[in-house]
Amino acid sequence: MLRLILIFLVIALIAALFGFGGLAAGAAGIAKIIFYIFLVLLVISLLFRLIGGR
């Protein structure tokens, strides 16, 4: 999932460099959403790890 975040971040940076504002904003938005999903999954994983005691 981190790979997707990095891919969309690079797409957003390249698009911003060439002046494609809409495309850069879209790629950055997708990267942000994937990042937040990753954070939620990380927190859930840590909670299950603590509750499970393993």
PDB file of N, CA and C in Angstrom:
ATOM      1  N   MET A   1       0.825  -1.186   0.000  1.00  0.00           N
ATOM      2  CA  MET A   1       0.000   0.000   0.000  1.00  0.00           C
ATOM      3  C   MET A   1       0.876   1.259   0.000  1.00  0.00           C
ATOM      4  N   LEU A   2       2.002   1.177   0.664  1.00  0.00           N
ATOM      5  CA  LEU A   2       2.919   2.321   0.640  1.00  0.00           C
ATOM      6  C   LEU A   2       3.428   2.572  -0.773  1.00  0.00           C
ATOM      7  N   ARG A   3       3.569   1.497  -1.551  1.00  0.00           N
ATOM      8  CA  ARG A   3       4.026   1.648  -2.933  1.00  0.00           C
ATOM      9  C   ARG A   3       3.022   2.484  -3.729  1.00  0.00           C
ATOM     10  N   LEU A   4       1.725   2.254  -3.498  1.00  0.00           N
ATOM     11  CA  LEU A   4       0.701   3.039  -4.200  1.00  0.00           C
ATOM     12  C   LEU A   4       0.779   4.514  -3.816  1.00  0.00           C
ATOM     13  N   ILE A   5       1.002   4.769  -2.545  1.00  0.00           N
ATOM     14  CA  ILE A   5       1.124   6.155  -2.087  1.00  0.00           C
ATOM     15  C   ILE A   5       2.287   6.829  -2.788  1.00  0.00           C
ATOM     16  N   LEU A   6       3.416   6.142  -2.856  1.00  0.00           N
ATOM     17  CA  LEU A   6       4.591   6.732  -3.503  1.00  0.00           C
ATOM     18  C   LEU A   6       4.366   6.927  -4.996  1.00  0.00           C
ATOM     19  N   ILE A   7       3.696   5.976  -5.645  1.00  0.00           N
ATOM     20  CA  ILE A   7       3.428   6.108  -7.078  1.00  0.00           C
ATOM     21  C   ILE A   7       2.551   7.326  -7.346  1.00  0.00           C
ATOM     22  N   PHE A   8       1.459   7.480  -6.586  1.00  0.00           N
ATOM     23  CA  PHE A   8       0.579   8.624  -6.800  1.00  0.00           C
ATOM     24  C   PHE A   8       1.253   9.937  -6.407  1.00  0.00           C
ATOM     25  N   LEU A   9       2.138   9.896  -5.419  1.00  0.00           N
ATOM     26  CA  LEU A   9       2.884  11.100  -5.061  1.00  0.00           C
ATOM     27  C   LEU A   9       3.802  11.522  -6.196  1.00  0.00           C
ATOM     28  N   VAL A  10       4.495  10.566  -6.796  1.00  0.00           N
ATOM     29  CA  VAL A  10       5.385  10.876  -7.918  1.00  0.00           C
ATOM     30  C   VAL A  10       4.579  11.390  -9.107  1.00  0.00           C
ATOM     31  N   ILE A  11       3.433  10.767  -9.393  1.00  0.00           N
ATOM     32  CA  ILE A  11       2.573  11.244 -10.488  1.00  0.00           C
ATOM     33  C   ILE A  11       2.127  12.674 -10.221  1.00  0.00           C
ATOM     34  N   ALA A  12       1.754  12.961  -8.981  1.00  0.00           N
ATOM     35  CA  ALA A  12       1.307  14.314  -8.632  1.00  0.00           C
ATOM     36  C   ALA A  12       2.440  15.319  -8.793  1.00  0.00           C
ATOM     37  N   LEU A  13       3.642  14.946  -8.373  1.00  0.00           N
ATOM     38  CA  LEU A  13       4.772  15.867  -8.502  1.00  0.00           C
ATOM     39  C   LEU A  13       5.139  16.120  -9.959  1.00  0.00           C
ATOM     40  N   ILE A  14       5.128  15.074 -10.773  1.00  0.00           N
ATOM     41  CA  ILE A  14       5.446  15.236 -12.191  1.00  0.00           C
ATOM     42  C   ILE A  14       4.371  16.068 -12.882  1.00  0.00           C
ATOM     43  N   ALA A  15       3.111  15.793 -12.566  1.00  0.00           N
ATOM     44  CA  ALA A  15       2.019  16.560 -13.164  1.00  0.00           C
ATOM     45  C   ALA A  15       2.094  18.027 -12.740  1.00  0.00           C
ATOM     46  N   ALA A  16       2.432  18.273 -11.492  1.00  0.00           N
ATOM     47  CA  ALA A  16       2.560  19.658 -11.020  1.00  0.00           C
ATOM     48  C   ALA A  16       3.721  20.358 -11.713  1.00  0.00           C
ATOM     49  N   LEU A  17       4.780  19.613 -11.971  1.00  0.00           N
ATOM     50  CA  LEU A  17       5.942  20.183 -12.648  1.00  0.00           C
ATOM     51  C   LEU A  17       5.582  20.649 -14.054  1.00  0.00           C
ATOM     52  N   PHE A  18       4.741  19.874 -14.736  1.00  0.00           N
ATOM     53  CA  PHE A  18       4.339  20.225 -16.090  1.00  0.00           C
ATOM     54  C   PHE A  18       3.125  21.139 -16.136  1.00  0.00           C
ATOM     55  N   GLY A  19       2.558  21.469 -14.995  1.00  0.00           N
ATOM     56  CA  GLY A  19       1.473  22.428 -14.937  1.00  0.00           C
ATOM     57  C   GLY A  19       0.082  21.850 -15.086  1.00  0.00           C
ATOM     58  N   PHE A  20      -0.067  20.567 -14.929  1.00  0.00           N
ATOM     59  CA  PHE A  20      -1.390  19.954 -15.015  1.00  0.00           C
ATOM     60  C   PHE A  20      -2.019  19.977 -13.627  1.00  0.00           C
ATOM     61  N   GLY A  21      -2.649  21.082 -13.288  1.00  0.00           N
ATOM     62  CA  GLY A  21      -3.185  21.275 -11.947  1.00  0.00           C
ATOM     63  C   GLY A  21      -4.241  20.261 -11.553  1.00  0.00           C
ATOM     64  N   GLY A  22      -5.177  19.979 -12.438  1.00  0.00           N
ATOM     65  CA  GLY A  22      -6.247  19.035 -12.114  1.00  0.00           C
ATOM     66  C   GLY A  22      -5.728  17.629 -11.908  1.00  0.00           C
ATOM     67  N   LEU A  23      -4.818  17.212 -12.777  1.00  0.00           N
ATOM     68  CA  LEU A  23      -4.252  15.868 -12.663  1.00  0.00           C
ATOM     69  C   LEU A  23      -3.402  15.747 -11.398  1.00  0.00           C
ATOM     70  N   ALA A  24      -2.630  16.772 -11.099  1.00  0.00           N
ATOM     71  CA  ALA A  24      -1.793  16.746  -9.899  1.00  0.00           C
ATOM     72  C   ALA A  24      -2.653  16.702  -8.636  1.00  0.00           C
ATOM     73  N   ALA A  25      -3.721  17.463  -8.633  1.00  0.00           N
ATOM     74  CA  ALA A  25      -4.609  17.477  -7.465  1.00  0.00           C
ATOM     75  C   ALA A  25      -5.299  16.127  -7.300  1.00  0.00           C
ATOM     76  N   GLY A  26      -5.676  15.519  -8.406  1.00  0.00           N
ATOM     77  CA  GLY A  26      -6.328  14.206  -8.344  1.00  0.00           C
ATOM     78  C   GLY A  26      -5.400  13.133  -7.817  1.00  0.00           C
ATOM     79  N   ALA A  27      -4.171  13.107  -8.322  1.00  0.00           N
ATOM     80  CA  ALA A  27      -3.204  12.109  -7.868  1.00  0.00           C
ATOM     81  C   ALA A  27      -2.834  12.339  -6.404  1.00  0.00           C
ATOM     82  N   ALA A  28      -2.691  13.594  -6.020  1.00  0.00           N
ATOM     83  CA  ALA A  28      -2.369  13.893  -4.623  1.00  0.00           C
ATOM     84  C   ALA A  28      -3.529  13.497  -3.711  1.00  0.00           C
ATOM     85  N   GLY A  29      -4.746  13.710  -4.167  1.00  0.00           N
ATOM     86  CA  GLY A  29      -5.917  13.318  -3.379  1.00  0.00           C
ATOM     87  C   GLY A  29      -5.995  11.811  -3.191  1.00  0.00           C
ATOM     88  N   ILE A  30      -5.719  11.066  -4.253  1.00  0.00           N
ATOM     89  CA  ILE A  30      -5.728   9.611  -4.165  1.00  0.00           C
ATOM     90  C   ILE A  30      -4.632   9.134  -3.217  1.00  0.00           C
ATOM     91  N   ALA A  31      -3.454   9.734  -3.315  1.00  0.00           N
ATOM     92  CA  ALA A  31      -2.346   9.355  -2.426  1.00  0.00           C
ATOM     93  C   ALA A  31      -2.712   9.632  -0.972  1.00  0.00           C
ATOM     94  N   LYS A  32      -3.394  10.737  -0.727  1.00  0.00           N
ATOM     95  CA  LYS A  32      -3.791  11.092   0.639  1.00  0.00           C
ATOM     96  C   LYS A  32      -4.803  10.086   1.194  1.00  0.00           C
ATOM     97  N   ILE A  33      -5.771   9.699   0.362  1.00  0.00           N
ATOM     98  CA  ILE A  33      -6.774   8.736   0.801  1.00  0.00           C
ATOM     99  C   ILE A  33      -6.140   7.395   1.117  1.00  0.00           C
ATOM    100  N   ILE A  34      -5.254   6.929   0.251  1.00  0.00           N
ATOM    101  CA  ILE A  34      -4.574   5.651   0.481  1.00  0.00           C
ATOM    102  C   ILE A  34      -3.720   5.723   1.742  1.00  0.00           C
ATOM    103  N   PHE A  35      -3.088   6.864   1.984  1.00  0.00           N
ATOM    104  CA  PHE A  35      -2.270   7.042   3.183  1.00  0.00           C
ATOM    105  C   PHE A  35      -3.122   6.924   4.442  1.00  0.00           C
ATOM    106  N   TYR A  36      -4.295   7.552   4.440  1.00  0.00           N
ATOM    107  CA  TYR A  36      -5.167   7.476   5.610  1.00  0.00           C
ATOM    108  C   TYR A  36      -5.700   6.060   5.820  1.00  0.00           C
ATOM    109  N   ILE A  37      -6.004   5.368   4.740  1.00  0.00           N
ATOM    110  CA  ILE A  37      -6.432   3.973   4.857  1.00  0.00           C
ATOM    111  C   ILE A  37      -5.318   3.144   5.479  1.00  0.00           C
ATOM    112  N   PHE A  38      -4.073   3.381   5.041  1.00  0.00           N
ATOM    113  CA  PHE A  38      -2.929   2.675   5.594  1.00  0.00           C
ATOM    114  C   PHE A  38      -2.788   2.961   7.088  1.00  0.00           C
ATOM    115  N   LEU A  39      -2.966   4.200   7.492  1.00  0.00           N
ATOM    116  CA  LEU A  39      -2.862   4.541   8.913  1.00  0.00           C
ATOM    117  C   LEU A  39      -3.931   3.843   9.747  1.00  0.00           C
ATOM    118  N   VAL A  40      -5.158   3.802   9.239  1.00  0.00           N
ATOM    119  CA  VAL A  40      -6.234   3.130   9.958  1.00  0.00           C
ATOM    120  C   VAL A  40      -5.930   1.643  10.096  1.00  0.00           C
ATOM    121  N   LEU A  41      -5.474   1.014   9.015  1.00  0.00           N
ATOM    122  CA  LEU A  41      -5.131  -0.407   9.074  1.00  0.00           C
ATOM    123  C   LEU A  41      -3.971  -0.665  10.029  1.00  0.00           C
ATOM    124  N   LEU A  42      -3.022   0.251  10.094  1.00  0.00           N
ATOM    125  CA  LEU A  42      -1.897   0.119  11.024  1.00  0.00           C
ATOM    126  C   LEU A  42      -2.385   0.167  12.463  1.00  0.00           C
ATOM    127  N   VAL A  43      -3.265   1.113  12.775  1.00  0.00           N
ATOM    128  CA  VAL A  43      -3.782   1.240  14.139  1.00  0.00           C
ATOM    129  C   VAL A  43      -4.597   0.005  14.516  1.00  0.00           C
ATOM    130  N   ILE A  44      -5.424  -0.471  13.604  1.00  0.00           N
ATOM    131  CA  ILE A  44      -6.211  -1.670  13.870  1.00  0.00           C
ATOM    132  C   ILE A  44      -5.299  -2.860  14.110  1.00  0.00           C
ATOM    133  N   SER A  45      -4.265  -2.979  13.298  1.00  0.00           N
ATOM    134  CA  SER A  45      -3.313  -4.083  13.455  1.00  0.00           C
ATOM    135  C   SER A  45      -2.608  -4.018  14.809  1.00  0.00           C
ATOM    136  N   LEU A  46      -2.210  -2.820  15.212  1.00  0.00           N
ATOM    137  CA  LEU A  46      -1.541  -2.670  16.501  1.00  0.00           C
ATOM    138  C   LEU A  46      -2.482  -2.985  17.661  1.00  0.00           C
ATOM    139  N   LEU A  47      -3.743  -2.575  17.545  1.00  0.00           N
ATOM    140  CA  LEU A  47      -4.708  -2.875  18.597  1.00  0.00           C
ATOM    141  C   LEU A  47      -4.942  -4.377  18.729  1.00  0.00           C
ATOM    142  N   PHE A  48      -5.090  -5.062  17.608  1.00  0.00           N
ATOM    143  CA  PHE A  48      -5.274  -6.510  17.659  1.00  0.00           C
ATOM    144  C   PHE A  48      -4.036  -7.195  18.225  1.00  0.00           C
ATOM    145  N   ARG A  49      -2.870  -6.647  17.923  1.00  0.00           N
ATOM    146  CA  ARG A  49      -1.620  -7.207  18.432  1.00  0.00           C
ATOM    147  C   ARG A  49      -1.551  -7.061  19.954  1.00  0.00           C
ATOM    148  N   LEU A  50      -1.985  -5.892  20.472  1.00  0.00           N
ATOM    149  CA  LEU A  50      -1.953  -5.660  21.911  1.00  0.00           C
ATOM    150  C   LEU A  50      -3.015  -6.508  22.641  1.00  0.00           C
ATOM    151  N   ILE A  51      -4.193  -6.591  22.052  1.00  0.00           N
ATOM    152  CA  ILE A  51      -5.284  -7.339  22.670  1.00  0.00           C
ATOM    153  C   ILE A  51      -4.973  -8.845  22.646  1.00  0.00           C
ATOM    154  N   GLY A  52      -4.412  -9.316  21.532  1.00  0.00           N
ATOM    155  CA  GLY A  52      -4.097 -10.731  21.388  1.00  0.00           C
ATOM    156  C   GLY A  52      -2.963 -11.179  22.304  1.00  0.00           C
ATOM    157  N   GLY A  53      -2.072 -10.267  22.645  1.00  0.00           N
ATOM    158  CA  GLY A  53      -0.971 -10.589  23.553  1.00  0.00           C
ATOM    159  C   GLY A  53       0.143 -11.403  22.933  1.00  0.00           C
ATOM    160  N   ARG A  54       0.196 -11.427  21.623  1.00  0.00           N
ATOM    161  CA  ARG A  54       1.249 -12.210  20.958  1.00  0.00           C
ATOM    162  C   ARG A  54       2.411 -11.344  20.603  1.00  0.00           C
TER     163      ARG A  54
END
